[in-house]
Full PDB file with SEQRES, HELIX, SHEET, SSBOND, CRYST1, ORIGX, SCALE, CONECT and MASTER records, all heavy atoms in Angstrom:
SEQRES   1 A   40  ARG ARG GLN LYS GLU LEU ASP THR ARG ASP PHE GLU THR          
SEQRES   2 A   40  ILE THR ILE ASN PHE THR GLU ASP ASP SER TYR GLY HIS          
SEQRES   3 A   40  ALA GLU ASP GLU ILE ASP ARG HIS VAL VAL GLU LYS LYS          
SEQRES   4 A   40  VAL                                                          
HELIX    1 AA1 TYR A   24  ILE A   31  1                                   8    
CRYST1    1.000    1.000    1.000  90.00  90.00  90.00 P 1           1          
ORIGX1      1.000000  0.000000  0.000000        0.00000                         
ORIGX2      0.000000  1.000000  0.000000        0.00000                         
ORIGX3      0.000000  0.000000  1.000000        0.00000                         
SCALE1      1.000000  0.000000  0.000000        0.00000                         
SCALE2      0.000000  1.000000  0.000000        0.00000                         
SCALE3      0.000000  0.000000  1.000000        0.00000                         
ATOM      1  N   ARG A   1       5.350  25.698 -36.828  1.00  0.00           N  
ATOM      2  CA  ARG A   1       5.266  25.229 -35.466  1.00  0.00           C  
ATOM      3  C   ARG A   1       6.103  23.928 -35.305  1.00  0.00           C  
ATOM      4  O   ARG A   1       5.955  23.003 -36.042  1.00  0.00           O  
ATOM      5  CB  ARG A   1       3.801  24.936 -35.092  1.00  0.00           C  
ATOM      6  CG  ARG A   1       3.575  24.419 -33.693  1.00  0.00           C  
ATOM      7  CD  ARG A   1       2.086  24.408 -33.356  1.00  0.00           C  
ATOM      8  NE  ARG A   1       1.310  23.658 -34.291  1.00  0.00           N  
ATOM      9  CZ  ARG A   1       1.015  22.359 -34.140  1.00  0.00           C  
ATOM     10  NH1 ARG A   1       1.427  21.689 -33.071  1.00  0.00           N  
ATOM     11  NH2 ARG A   1       0.279  21.715 -35.030  1.00  0.00           N  
ATOM     12  N   ARG A   2       6.991  23.968 -34.304  1.00  0.00           N  
ATOM     13  CA  ARG A   2       7.840  22.796 -33.997  1.00  0.00           C  
ATOM     14  C   ARG A   2       7.693  22.433 -32.547  1.00  0.00           C  
ATOM     15  O   ARG A   2       7.654  23.300 -31.682  1.00  0.00           O  
ATOM     16  CB  ARG A   2       9.293  23.095 -34.325  1.00  0.00           C  
ATOM     17  CG  ARG A   2       9.558  23.259 -35.818  1.00  0.00           C  
ATOM     18  CD  ARG A   2      11.053  23.386 -36.142  1.00  0.00           C  
ATOM     19  NE  ARG A   2      11.553  24.707 -35.756  1.00  0.00           N  
ATOM     20  CZ  ARG A   2      12.511  24.919 -34.888  1.00  0.00           C  
ATOM     21  NH1 ARG A   2      13.040  23.912 -34.225  1.00  0.00           N  
ATOM     22  NH2 ARG A   2      12.936  26.161 -34.599  1.00  0.00           N  
ATOM     23  N   GLN A   3       7.629  21.141 -32.254  1.00  0.00           N  
ATOM     24  CA  GLN A   3       7.543  20.664 -30.889  1.00  0.00           C  
ATOM     25  C   GLN A   3       8.938  20.447 -30.283  1.00  0.00           C  
ATOM     26  O   GLN A   3       9.813  19.876 -30.943  1.00  0.00           O  
ATOM     27  CB  GLN A   3       6.763  19.353 -30.787  1.00  0.00           C  
ATOM     28  CG  GLN A   3       5.265  19.512 -31.136  1.00  0.00           C  
ATOM     29  CD  GLN A   3       4.565  20.499 -30.217  1.00  0.00           C  
ATOM     30  OE1 GLN A   3       4.159  21.549 -30.660  1.00  0.00           O  
ATOM     31  NE2 GLN A   3       4.469  20.146 -28.939  1.00  0.00           N  
ATOM     32  N   LYS A   4       9.106  20.923 -29.069  1.00  0.00           N  
ATOM     33  CA  LYS A   4      10.368  20.686 -28.337  1.00  0.00           C  
ATOM     34  C   LYS A   4      10.054  19.733 -27.180  1.00  0.00           C  
ATOM     35  O   LYS A   4       9.267  20.070 -26.257  1.00  0.00           O  
ATOM     36  CB  LYS A   4      10.907  22.002 -27.805  1.00  0.00           C  
ATOM     37  CG  LYS A   4      11.961  21.864 -26.713  1.00  0.00           C  
ATOM     38  CD  LYS A   4      13.213  21.167 -27.192  1.00  0.00           C  
ATOM     39  CE  LYS A   4      14.244  21.075 -26.029  1.00  0.00           C  
ATOM     40  NZ  LYS A   4      15.442  20.308 -26.466  1.00  0.00           N  
ATOM     41  N   GLU A   5      10.629  18.556 -27.210  1.00  0.00           N  
ATOM     42  CA  GLU A   5      10.392  17.577 -26.136  1.00  0.00           C  
ATOM     43  C   GLU A   5      11.104  18.001 -24.860  1.00  0.00           C  
ATOM     44  O   GLU A   5      12.241  18.501 -24.899  1.00  0.00           O  
ATOM     45  CB  GLU A   5      10.843  16.177 -26.565  1.00  0.00           C  
ATOM     46  CG  GLU A   5      10.001  15.585 -27.657  1.00  0.00           C  
ATOM     47  CD  GLU A   5      10.366  14.093 -27.933  1.00  0.00           C  
ATOM     48  OE1 GLU A   5      11.265  13.569 -27.182  1.00  0.00           O  
ATOM     49  OE2 GLU A   5       9.782  13.487 -28.821  1.00  0.00           O  
ATOM     50  N   LEU A   6      10.417  17.761 -23.737  1.00  0.00           N  
ATOM     51  CA  LEU A   6      11.017  18.062 -22.445  1.00  0.00           C  
ATOM     52  C   LEU A   6      11.513  16.768 -21.794  1.00  0.00           C  
ATOM     53  O   LEU A   6      10.996  15.676 -22.061  1.00  0.00           O  
ATOM     54  CB  LEU A   6       9.987  18.705 -21.531  1.00  0.00           C  
ATOM     55  CG  LEU A   6       9.391  20.031 -22.037  1.00  0.00           C  
ATOM     56  CD1 LEU A   6       8.283  20.506 -21.066  1.00  0.00           C  
ATOM     57  CD2 LEU A   6      10.434  21.101 -22.168  1.00  0.00           C  
ATOM     58  N   ASP A   7      12.541  16.911 -21.006  1.00  0.00           N  
ATOM     59  CA  ASP A   7      13.136  15.772 -20.296  1.00  0.00           C  
ATOM     60  C   ASP A   7      12.406  15.601 -18.988  1.00  0.00           C  
ATOM     61  O   ASP A   7      12.700  16.312 -17.995  1.00  0.00           O  
ATOM     62  CB  ASP A   7      14.629  16.004 -20.064  1.00  0.00           C  
ATOM     63  CG  ASP A   7      15.304  14.823 -19.415  1.00  0.00           C  
ATOM     64  OD1 ASP A   7      14.716  13.717 -19.381  1.00  0.00           O  
ATOM     65  OD2 ASP A   7      16.447  15.004 -18.914  1.00  0.00           O  
ATOM     66  N   THR A   8      11.442  14.695 -18.909  1.00  0.00           N  
ATOM     67  CA  THR A   8      10.637  14.488 -17.735  1.00  0.00           C  
ATOM     68  C   THR A   8      10.852  13.085 -17.182  1.00  0.00           C  
ATOM     69  O   THR A   8      11.364  12.198 -17.857  1.00  0.00           O  
ATOM     70  CB  THR A   8       9.163  14.735 -18.012  1.00  0.00           C  
ATOM     71  OG1 THR A   8       8.726  13.861 -19.050  1.00  0.00           O  
ATOM     72  CG2 THR A   8       8.928  16.204 -18.436  1.00  0.00           C  
ATOM     73  N   ARG A   9      10.379  12.861 -15.960  1.00  0.00           N  
ATOM     74  CA  ARG A   9      10.604  11.587 -15.307  1.00  0.00           C  
ATOM     75  C   ARG A   9       9.798  10.485 -15.978  1.00  0.00           C  
ATOM     76  O   ARG A   9       8.643  10.643 -16.346  1.00  0.00           O  
ATOM     77  CB  ARG A   9      10.191  11.701 -13.839  1.00  0.00           C  
ATOM     78  CG  ARG A   9      10.670  10.549 -12.967  1.00  0.00           C  
ATOM     79  CD  ARG A   9      10.262  10.691 -11.532  1.00  0.00           C  
ATOM     80  NE  ARG A   9      10.816  11.910 -10.909  1.00  0.00           N  
ATOM     81  CZ  ARG A   9      12.026  11.979 -10.379  1.00  0.00           C  
ATOM     82  NH1 ARG A   9      12.847  10.930 -10.455  1.00  0.00           N  
ATOM     83  NH2 ARG A   9      12.472  13.102  -9.838  1.00  0.00           N  
ATOM     84  N   ASP A  10      10.473   9.315 -16.116  1.00  0.00           N  
ATOM     85  CA  ASP A  10       9.789   8.156 -16.729  1.00  0.00           C  
ATOM     86  C   ASP A  10       8.840   7.476 -15.777  1.00  0.00           C  
ATOM     87  O   ASP A  10       8.985   7.530 -14.548  1.00  0.00           O  
ATOM     88  CB  ASP A  10      10.825   7.136 -17.183  1.00  0.00           C  
ATOM     89  CG  ASP A  10      11.681   7.622 -18.351  1.00  0.00           C  
ATOM     90  OD1 ASP A  10      11.141   8.426 -19.143  1.00  0.00           O  
ATOM     91  OD2 ASP A  10      12.849   7.219 -18.489  1.00  0.00           O  
ATOM     92  N   PHE A  11       7.813   6.829 -16.348  1.00  0.00           N  
ATOM     93  CA  PHE A  11       6.867   6.003 -15.608  1.00  0.00           C  
ATOM     94  C   PHE A  11       7.149   4.522 -15.891  1.00  0.00           C  
ATOM     95  O   PHE A  11       7.601   4.172 -16.976  1.00  0.00           O  
ATOM     96  CB  PHE A  11       5.453   6.324 -16.027  1.00  0.00           C  
ATOM     97  CG  PHE A  11       4.850   7.526 -15.364  1.00  0.00           C  
ATOM     98  CD1 PHE A  11       5.510   8.725 -15.294  1.00  0.00           C  
ATOM     99  CD2 PHE A  11       3.555   7.451 -14.813  1.00  0.00           C  
ATOM    100  CE1 PHE A  11       4.959   9.862 -14.717  1.00  0.00           C  
ATOM    101  CE2 PHE A  11       2.985   8.579 -14.223  1.00  0.00           C  
ATOM    102  CZ  PHE A  11       3.679   9.781 -14.176  1.00  0.00           C  
ATOM    103  N   GLU A  12       6.828   3.696 -14.950  1.00  0.00           N  
ATOM    104  CA  GLU A  12       6.885   2.254 -15.145  1.00  0.00           C  
ATOM    105  C   GLU A  12       5.656   1.626 -14.513  1.00  0.00           C  
ATOM    106  O   GLU A  12       5.306   1.919 -13.358  1.00  0.00           O  
ATOM    107  CB  GLU A  12       8.156   1.674 -14.488  1.00  0.00           C  
ATOM    108  CG  GLU A  12       8.418   0.213 -14.798  1.00  0.00           C  
ATOM    109  CD  GLU A  12       9.015  -0.021 -16.178  1.00  0.00           C  
ATOM    110  OE1 GLU A  12       9.501   0.966 -16.776  1.00  0.00           O  
ATOM    111  OE2 GLU A  12       8.970  -1.166 -16.664  1.00  0.00           O  
ATOM    112  N   THR A  13       4.950   0.773 -15.298  1.00  0.00           N  
ATOM    113  CA  THR A  13       3.778   0.089 -14.730  1.00  0.00           C  
ATOM    114  C   THR A  13       4.077  -1.389 -14.588  1.00  0.00           C  
ATOM    115  O   THR A  13       4.673  -2.026 -15.475  1.00  0.00           O  
ATOM    116  CB  THR A  13       2.556   0.267 -15.651  1.00  0.00           C  
ATOM    117  OG1 THR A  13       2.873  -0.204 -16.973  1.00  0.00           O  
ATOM    118  CG2 THR A  13       2.171   1.740 -15.749  1.00  0.00           C  
ATOM    119  N   ILE A  14       3.660  -1.956 -13.464  1.00  0.00           N  
ATOM    120  CA  ILE A  14       3.940  -3.362 -13.134  1.00  0.00           C  
ATOM    121  C   ILE A  14       2.660  -4.009 -12.625  1.00  0.00           C  
ATOM    122  O   ILE A  14       1.909  -3.392 -11.852  1.00  0.00           O  
ATOM    123  CB  ILE A  14       5.012  -3.484 -12.051  1.00  0.00           C  
ATOM    124  CG1 ILE A  14       6.339  -2.800 -12.495  1.00  0.00           C  
ATOM    125  CG2 ILE A  14       5.273  -4.919 -11.669  1.00  0.00           C  
ATOM    126  CD1 ILE A  14       7.382  -2.741 -11.396  1.00  0.00           C  
ATOM    127  N   THR A  15       2.349  -5.216 -13.091  1.00  0.00           N  
ATOM    128  CA  THR A  15       1.239  -6.008 -12.570  1.00  0.00           C  
ATOM    129  C   THR A  15       1.817  -7.259 -11.936  1.00  0.00           C  
ATOM    130  O   THR A  15       2.621  -7.984 -12.519  1.00  0.00           O  
ATOM    131  CB  THR A  15       0.292  -6.377 -13.693  1.00  0.00           C  
ATOM    132  OG1 THR A  15      -0.240  -5.198 -14.279  1.00  0.00           O  
ATOM    133  CG2 THR A  15      -0.869  -7.203 -13.118  1.00  0.00           C  
ATOM    134  N   ILE A  16       1.430  -7.483 -10.677  1.00  0.00           N  
ATOM    135  CA  ILE A  16       1.850  -8.701  -9.952  1.00  0.00           C  
ATOM    136  C   ILE A  16       0.622  -9.544  -9.653  1.00  0.00           C  
ATOM    137  O   ILE A  16      -0.314  -9.076  -9.034  1.00  0.00           O  
ATOM    138  CB  ILE A  16       2.563  -8.342  -8.634  1.00  0.00           C  
ATOM    139  CG1 ILE A  16       3.759  -7.441  -8.903  1.00  0.00           C  
ATOM    140  CG2 ILE A  16       3.015  -9.619  -7.916  1.00  0.00           C  
ATOM    141  CD1 ILE A  16       4.473  -6.953  -7.628  1.00  0.00           C  
ATOM    142  N   ASN A  17       0.642 -10.773 -10.129  1.00  0.00           N  
ATOM    143  CA  ASN A  17      -0.477 -11.691  -9.949  1.00  0.00           C  
ATOM    144  C   ASN A  17      -0.077 -12.705  -8.835  1.00  0.00           C  
ATOM    145  O   ASN A  17       0.859 -13.495  -9.018  1.00  0.00           O  
ATOM    146  CB  ASN A  17      -0.794 -12.437 -11.241  1.00  0.00           C  
ATOM    147  CG  ASN A  17      -2.114 -13.147 -11.166  1.00  0.00           C  
ATOM    148  OD1 ASN A  17      -2.644 -13.423 -10.113  1.00  0.00           O  
ATOM    149  ND2 ASN A  17      -2.671 -13.451 -12.336  1.00  0.00           N  
ATOM    150  N   PHE A  18      -0.760 -12.658  -7.724  1.00  0.00           N  
ATOM    151  CA  PHE A  18      -0.464 -13.522  -6.579  1.00  0.00           C  
ATOM    152  C   PHE A  18      -1.396 -14.709  -6.521  1.00  0.00           C  
ATOM    153  O   PHE A  18      -2.612 -14.591  -6.820  1.00  0.00           O  
ATOM    154  CB  PHE A  18      -0.597 -12.756  -5.277  1.00  0.00           C  
ATOM    155  CG  PHE A  18       0.565 -11.872  -4.906  1.00  0.00           C  
ATOM    156  CD1 PHE A  18       0.490 -10.498  -5.094  1.00  0.00           C  
ATOM    157  CD2 PHE A  18       1.751 -12.435  -4.427  1.00  0.00           C  
ATOM    158  CE1 PHE A  18       1.552  -9.691  -4.739  1.00  0.00           C  
ATOM    159  CE2 PHE A  18       2.802 -11.629  -4.093  1.00  0.00           C  
ATOM    160  CZ  PHE A  18       2.711 -10.240  -4.237  1.00  0.00           C  
ATOM    161  N   THR A  19      -0.849 -15.875  -6.135  1.00  0.00           N  
ATOM    162  CA  THR A  19      -1.672 -16.978  -5.670  1.00  0.00           C  
ATOM    163  C   THR A  19      -1.648 -16.953  -4.139  1.00  0.00           C  
ATOM    164  O   THR A  19      -0.847 -16.216  -3.542  1.00  0.00           O  
ATOM    165  CB  THR A  19      -1.151 -18.322  -6.177  1.00  0.00           C  
ATOM    166  OG1 THR A  19       0.113 -18.602  -5.550  1.00  0.00           O  
ATOM    167  CG2 THR A  19      -0.983 -18.342  -7.690  1.00  0.00           C  
ATOM    168  N   GLU A  20      -2.454 -17.747  -3.550  1.00  0.00           N  
ATOM    169  CA  GLU A  20      -2.563 -17.788  -2.063  1.00  0.00           C  
ATOM    170  C   GLU A  20      -1.242 -18.162  -1.413  1.00  0.00           C  
ATOM    171  O   GLU A  20      -0.881 -17.710  -0.358  1.00  0.00           O  
ATOM    172  CB  GLU A  20      -3.663 -18.726  -1.637  1.00  0.00           C  
ATOM    173  CG  GLU A  20      -3.976 -18.673  -0.153  1.00  0.00           C  
ATOM    174  CD  GLU A  20      -5.156 -19.537   0.202  1.00  0.00           C  
ATOM    175  OE1 GLU A  20      -5.904 -19.954  -0.701  1.00  0.00           O  
ATOM    176  OE2 GLU A  20      -5.336 -19.815   1.426  1.00  0.00           O  
ATOM    177  N   ASP A  21      -0.415 -18.967  -2.145  1.00  0.00           N  
ATOM    178  CA  ASP A  21       0.802 -19.510  -1.559  1.00  0.00           C  
ATOM    179  C   ASP A  21       2.042 -18.665  -1.934  1.00  0.00           C  
ATOM    180  O   ASP A  21       3.125 -18.980  -1.446  1.00  0.00           O  
ATOM    181  CB  ASP A  21       1.046 -20.933  -2.032  1.00  0.00           C  
ATOM    182  CG  ASP A  21      -0.074 -21.891  -1.556  1.00  0.00           C  
ATOM    183  OD1 ASP A  21      -0.591 -21.636  -0.453  1.00  0.00           O  
ATOM    184  OD2 ASP A  21      -0.390 -22.827  -2.292  1.00  0.00           O  
ATOM    185  N   ASP A  22       1.888 -17.665  -2.787  1.00  0.00           N  
ATOM    186  CA  ASP A  22       3.052 -16.867  -3.194  1.00  0.00           C  
ATOM    187  C   ASP A  22       3.588 -16.082  -1.988  1.00  0.00           C  
ATOM    188  O   ASP A  22       2.866 -15.575  -1.160  1.00  0.00           O  
ATOM    189  CB  ASP A  22       2.697 -15.893  -4.324  1.00  0.00           C  
ATOM    190  CG  ASP A  22       2.593 -16.601  -5.661  1.00  0.00           C  
ATOM    191  OD1 ASP A  22       3.350 -17.546  -5.853  1.00  0.00           O  
ATOM    192  OD2 ASP A  22       1.785 -16.167  -6.497  1.00  0.00           O  
ATOM    193  N   SER A  23       4.928 -15.917  -2.000  1.00  0.00           N  
ATOM    194  CA  SER A  23       5.596 -15.264  -0.866  1.00  0.00           C  
ATOM    195  C   SER A  23       6.196 -13.924  -1.314  1.00  0.00           C  
ATOM    196  O   SER A  23       6.046 -13.471  -2.438  1.00  0.00           O  
ATOM    197  CB  SER A  23       6.720 -16.164  -0.358  1.00  0.00           C  
ATOM    198  OG  SER A  23       7.730 -16.348  -1.366  1.00  0.00           O  
ATOM    199  N   TYR A  24       6.888 -13.305  -0.357  1.00  0.00           N  
ATOM    200  CA  TYR A  24       7.576 -12.030  -0.582  1.00  0.00           C  
ATOM    201  C   TYR A  24       8.543 -12.154  -1.764  1.00  0.00           C  
ATOM    202  O   TYR A  24       8.667 -11.228  -2.582  1.00  0.00           O  
ATOM    203  CB  TYR A  24       8.344 -11.734   0.687  1.00  0.00           C  
ATOM    204  CG  TYR A  24       8.963 -10.348   0.786  1.00  0.00           C  
ATOM    205  CD1 TYR A  24       8.221  -9.267   1.284  1.00  0.00           C  
ATOM    206  CD2 TYR A  24      10.267 -10.107   0.391  1.00  0.00           C  
ATOM    207  CE1 TYR A  24       8.787  -8.016   1.404  1.00  0.00           C  
ATOM    208  CE2 TYR A  24      10.840  -8.879   0.503  1.00  0.00           C  
ATOM    209  CZ  TYR A  24      10.104  -7.833   1.018  1.00  0.00           C  
ATOM    210  OH  TYR A  24      10.646  -6.566   1.117  1.00  0.00           O  
ATOM    211  N   GLY A  25       9.150 -13.327  -1.896  1.00  0.00           N  
ATOM    212  CA  GLY A  25      10.106 -13.535  -3.006  1.00  0.00           C  
ATOM    213  C   GLY A  25       9.463 -13.436  -4.381  1.00  0.00           C  
ATOM    214  O   GLY A  25      10.118 -12.984  -5.350  1.00  0.00           O  
ATOM    215  N   HIS A  26       8.199 -13.831  -4.473  1.00  0.00           N  
ATOM    216  CA  HIS A  26       7.491 -13.730  -5.753  1.00  0.00           C  
ATOM    217  C   HIS A  26       7.341 -12.263  -6.180  1.00  0.00           C  
ATOM    218  O   HIS A  26       7.547 -11.901  -7.333  1.00  0.00           O  
ATOM    219  CB  HIS A  26       6.125 -14.369  -5.654  1.00  0.00           C  
ATOM    220  CG  HIS A  26       5.259 -14.203  -6.874  1.00  0.00           C  
ATOM    221  ND1 HIS A  26       5.558 -14.794  -8.084  1.00  0.00           N  
ATOM    222  CD2 HIS A  26       4.119 -13.443  -7.070  1.00  0.00           C  
ATOM    223  CE1 HIS A  26       4.641 -14.444  -8.968  1.00  0.00           C  
ATOM    224  NE2 HIS A  26       3.758 -13.636  -8.380  1.00  0.00           N  
ATOM    225  N   ALA A  27       7.048 -11.385  -5.206  1.00  0.00           N  
ATOM    226  CA  ALA A  27       6.948  -9.962  -5.484  1.00  0.00           C  
ATOM    227  C   ALA A  27       8.278  -9.413  -5.933  1.00  0.00           C  
ATOM    228  O   ALA A  27       8.354  -8.624  -6.883  1.00  0.00           O  
ATOM    229  CB  ALA A  27       6.433  -9.211  -4.259  1.00  0.00           C  
ATOM    230  N   GLU A  28       9.353  -9.800  -5.261  1.00  0.00           N  
ATOM    231  CA  GLU A  28      10.688  -9.330  -5.632  1.00  0.00           C  
ATOM    232  C   GLU A  28      11.032  -9.776  -7.074  1.00  0.00           C  
ATOM    233  O   GLU A  28      11.552  -8.962  -7.869  1.00  0.00           O  
ATOM    234  CB  GLU A  28      11.725  -9.907  -4.657  1.00  0.00           C  
ATOM    235  CG  GLU A  28      11.661  -9.289  -3.280  1.00  0.00           C  
ATOM    236  CD  GLU A  28      12.793  -9.794  -2.398  1.00  0.00           C  
ATOM    237  OE1 GLU A  28      12.941 -11.054  -2.323  1.00  0.00           O  
ATOM    238  OE2 GLU A  28      13.541  -8.980  -1.823  1.00  0.00           O  
ATOM    239  N   ASP A  29      10.727 -11.017  -7.403  1.00  0.00           N  
ATOM    240  CA  ASP A  29      11.049 -11.515  -8.741  1.00  0.00           C  
ATOM    241  C   ASP A  29      10.311 -10.740  -9.833  1.00  0.00           C  
ATOM    242  O   ASP A  29      10.879 -10.394 -10.855  1.00  0.00           O  
ATOM    243  CB  ASP A  29      10.700 -13.011  -8.851  1.00  0.00           C  
ATOM    244  CG  ASP A  29      11.614 -13.898  -8.015  1.00  0.00           C  
ATOM    245  OD1 ASP A  29      12.721 -13.414  -7.619  1.00  0.00           O  
ATOM    246  OD2 ASP A  29      11.227 -15.045  -7.729  1.00  0.00           O  
ATOM    247  N   GLU A  30       9.006 -10.467  -9.594  1.00  0.00           N  
ATOM    248  CA  GLU A  30       8.238  -9.739 -10.586  1.00  0.00           C  
ATOM    249  C   GLU A  30       8.724  -8.297 -10.721  1.00  0.00           C  
ATOM    250  O   GLU A  30       8.817  -7.799 -11.837  1.00  0.00           O  
ATOM    251  CB  GLU A  30       6.752  -9.756 -10.166  1.00  0.00           C  
ATOM    252  CG  GLU A  30       6.095 -11.115 -10.259  1.00  0.00           C  
ATOM    253  CD  GLU A  30       6.122 -11.688 -11.680  1.00  0.00           C  
ATOM    254  OE1 GLU A  30       5.689 -10.954 -12.599  1.00  0.00           O  
ATOM    255  OE2 GLU A  30       6.576 -12.807 -11.840  1.00  0.00           O  
ATOM    256  N   ILE A  31       9.044  -7.680  -9.648  1.00  0.00           N  
ATOM    257  CA  ILE A  31       9.551  -6.269  -9.683  1.00  0.00           C  
ATOM    258  C   ILE A  31      10.901  -6.222 -10.381  1.00  0.00           C  
ATOM    259  O   ILE A  31      11.189  -5.279 -11.129  1.00  0.00           O  
ATOM    260  CB  ILE A  31       9.557  -5.676  -8.275  1.00  0.00           C  
ATOM    261  CG1 ILE A  31       8.122  -5.479  -7.774  1.00  0.00           C  
ATOM    262  CG2 ILE A  31      10.314  -4.345  -8.249  1.00  0.00           C  
ATOM    263  CD1 ILE A  31       8.025  -5.200  -6.284  1.00  0.00           C  
ATOM    264  N   ASP A  32      11.739  -7.200 -10.128  1.00  0.00           N  
ATOM    265  CA  ASP A  32      13.077  -7.185 -10.687  1.00  0.00           C  
ATOM    266  C   ASP A  32      13.097  -7.422 -12.210  1.00  0.00           C  
ATOM    267  O   ASP A  32      14.147  -7.285 -12.854  1.00  0.00           O  
ATOM    268  CB  ASP A  32      13.968  -8.242 -10.020  1.00  0.00           C  
ATOM    269  CG  ASP A  32      14.373  -7.808  -8.605  1.00  0.00           C  
ATOM    270  OD1 ASP A  32      14.328  -6.598  -8.322  1.00  0.00           O  
ATOM    271  OD2 ASP A  32      14.735  -8.696  -7.807  1.00  0.00           O  
ATOM    272  N   ARG A  33      11.949  -7.757 -12.775  1.00  0.00           N  
ATOM    273  CA  ARG A  33      11.874  -7.816 -14.235  1.00  0.00           C  
ATOM    274  C   ARG A  33      11.821  -6.421 -14.881  1.00  0.00           C  
ATOM    275  O   ARG A  33      11.895  -6.283 -16.094  1.00  0.00           O  
ATOM    276  CB  ARG A  33      10.598  -8.567 -14.651  1.00  0.00           C  
ATOM    277  CG  ARG A  33      10.530 -10.021 -14.206  1.00  0.00           C  
ATOM    278  CD  ARG A  33       9.178 -10.634 -14.553  1.00  0.00           C  
ATOM    279  NE  ARG A  33       9.026 -11.960 -14.039  1.00  0.00           N  
ATOM    280  CZ  ARG A  33       9.407 -13.084 -14.633  1.00  0.00           C  
ATOM    281  NH1 ARG A  33       9.981 -13.008 -15.815  1.00  0.00           N  
ATOM    282  NH2 ARG A  33       9.235 -14.258 -14.042  1.00  0.00           N  
ATOM    283  N   HIS A  34      11.713  -5.418 -14.047  1.00  0.00           N  
ATOM    284  CA  HIS A  34      11.548  -4.037 -14.541  1.00  0.00           C  
ATOM    285  C   HIS A  34      12.666  -3.158 -13.991  1.00  0.00           C  
ATOM    286  O   HIS A  34      13.196  -3.420 -12.903  1.00  0.00           O  
ATOM    287  CB  HIS A  34      10.195  -3.463 -14.109  1.00  0.00           C  
ATOM    288  CG  HIS A  34       9.030  -4.264 -14.562  1.00  0.00           C  
ATOM    289  ND1 HIS A  34       8.302  -3.972 -15.691  1.00  0.00           N  
ATOM    290  CD2 HIS A  34       8.448  -5.396 -14.022  1.00  0.00           C  
ATOM    291  CE1 HIS A  34       7.320  -4.831 -15.824  1.00  0.00           C  
ATOM    292  NE2 HIS A  34       7.384  -5.702 -14.856  1.00  0.00           N  
ATOM    293  N   VAL A  35      13.005  -2.114 -14.744  1.00  0.00           N  
ATOM    294  CA  VAL A  35      13.908  -1.090 -14.249  1.00  0.00           C  
ATOM    295  C   VAL A  35      13.098   0.024 -13.619  1.00  0.00           C  
ATOM    296  O   VAL A  35      12.318   0.692 -14.300  1.00  0.00           O  
ATOM    297  CB  VAL A  35      14.784  -0.535 -15.396  1.00  0.00           C  
ATOM    298  CG1 VAL A  35      15.709   0.566 -14.882  1.00  0.00           C  
ATOM    299  CG2 VAL A  35      15.602  -1.661 -16.048  1.00  0.00           C  
ATOM    300  N   VAL A  36      13.255   0.206 -12.303  1.00  0.00           N  
ATOM    301  CA  VAL A  36      12.403   1.178 -11.614  1.00  0.00           C  
ATOM    302  C   VAL A  36      13.180   2.373 -11.058  1.00  0.00           C  
ATOM    303  O   VAL A  36      12.573   3.334 -10.582  1.00  0.00           O  
ATOM    304  CB  VAL A  36      11.681   0.475 -10.439  1.00  0.00           C  
ATOM    305  CG1 VAL A  36      10.812  -0.669 -10.982  1.00  0.00           C  
ATOM    306  CG2 VAL A  36      12.644  -0.036  -9.381  1.00  0.00           C  
ATOM    307  N   GLU A  37      14.492   2.344 -11.140  1.00  0.00           N  
ATOM    308  CA  GLU A  37      15.302   3.399 -10.533  1.00  0.00           C  
ATOM    309  C   GLU A  37      14.933   4.793 -11.079  1.00  0.00           C  
ATOM    310  O   GLU A  37      14.856   4.994 -12.290  1.00  0.00           O  
ATOM    311  CB  GLU A  37      16.778   3.139 -10.743  1.00  0.00           C  
ATOM    312  CG  GLU A  37      17.683   4.083  -9.989  1.00  0.00           C  
ATOM    313  CD  GLU A  37      19.147   3.720 -10.096  1.00  0.00           C  
ATOM    314  OE1 GLU A  37      19.464   2.755 -10.854  1.00  0.00           O  
ATOM    315  OE2 GLU A  37      19.990   4.372  -9.462  1.00  0.00           O  
ATOM    316  N   LYS A  38      14.667   5.719 -10.168  1.00  0.00           N  
ATOM    317  CA  LYS A  38      14.345   7.114 -10.455  1.00  0.00           C  
ATOM    318  C   LYS A  38      13.034   7.310 -11.197  1.00  0.00           C  
ATOM    319  O   LYS A  38      12.730   8.407 -11.687  1.00  0.00           O  
ATOM    320  CB  LYS A  38      15.501   7.779 -11.236  1.00  0.00           C  
ATOM    321  CG  LYS A  38      16.798   7.834 -10.480  1.00  0.00           C  
ATOM    322  CD  LYS A  38      17.872   8.581 -11.283  1.00  0.00           C  
ATOM    323  CE  LYS A  38      19.160   8.636 -10.509  1.00  0.00           C  
ATOM    324  NZ  LYS A  38      20.245   9.337 -11.247  1.00  0.00           N  
ATOM    325  N   LYS A  39      12.216   6.283 -11.304  1.00  0.00           N  
ATOM    326  CA  LYS A  39      10.976   6.379 -12.040  1.00  0.00           C  
ATOM    327  C   LYS A  39       9.739   6.508 -11.145  1.00  0.00           C  
ATOM    328  O   LYS A  39       9.848   6.270  -9.937  1.00  0.00           O  
ATOM    329  CB  LYS A  39      10.777   5.112 -12.924  1.00  0.00           C  
ATOM    330  CG  LYS A  39      11.796   4.957 -14.045  1.00  0.00           C  
ATOM    331  CD  LYS A  39      11.469   3.714 -14.882  1.00  0.00           C  
ATOM    332  CE  LYS A  39      12.455   3.546 -16.026  1.00  0.00           C  
ATOM    333  NZ  LYS A  39      12.155   2.324 -16.842  1.00  0.00           N  
ATOM    334  N   VAL A  40       8.639   6.928 -11.713  1.00  0.00           N  
ATOM    335  CA  VAL A  40       7.340   6.815 -11.077  1.00  0.00           C  
ATOM    336  C   VAL A  40       6.822   5.427 -11.364  1.00  0.00           C  
ATOM    337  O   VAL A  40       6.622   5.075 -12.540  1.00  0.00           O  
ATOM    338  CB  VAL A  40       6.361   7.896 -11.599  1.00  0.00           C  
ATOM    339  CG1 VAL A  40       4.976   7.668 -10.960  1.00  0.00           C  
ATOM    340  CG2 VAL A  40       6.889   9.284 -11.330  1.00  0.00           C  
TER     341      VAL A  40                                                      
MASTER        0    0    0    1    0    0    0    6  340    1    0    4          
END                                                                             
């Protein structure tokens, strides 16, 4: 028995920790730390 890997879509998990004063830019910075193109 041999396993054949399939080419399936990658997943990416991201956690964003907000303070009360954080802005839209904070979300952008946290997301830009990750490669998300074509991923779930």
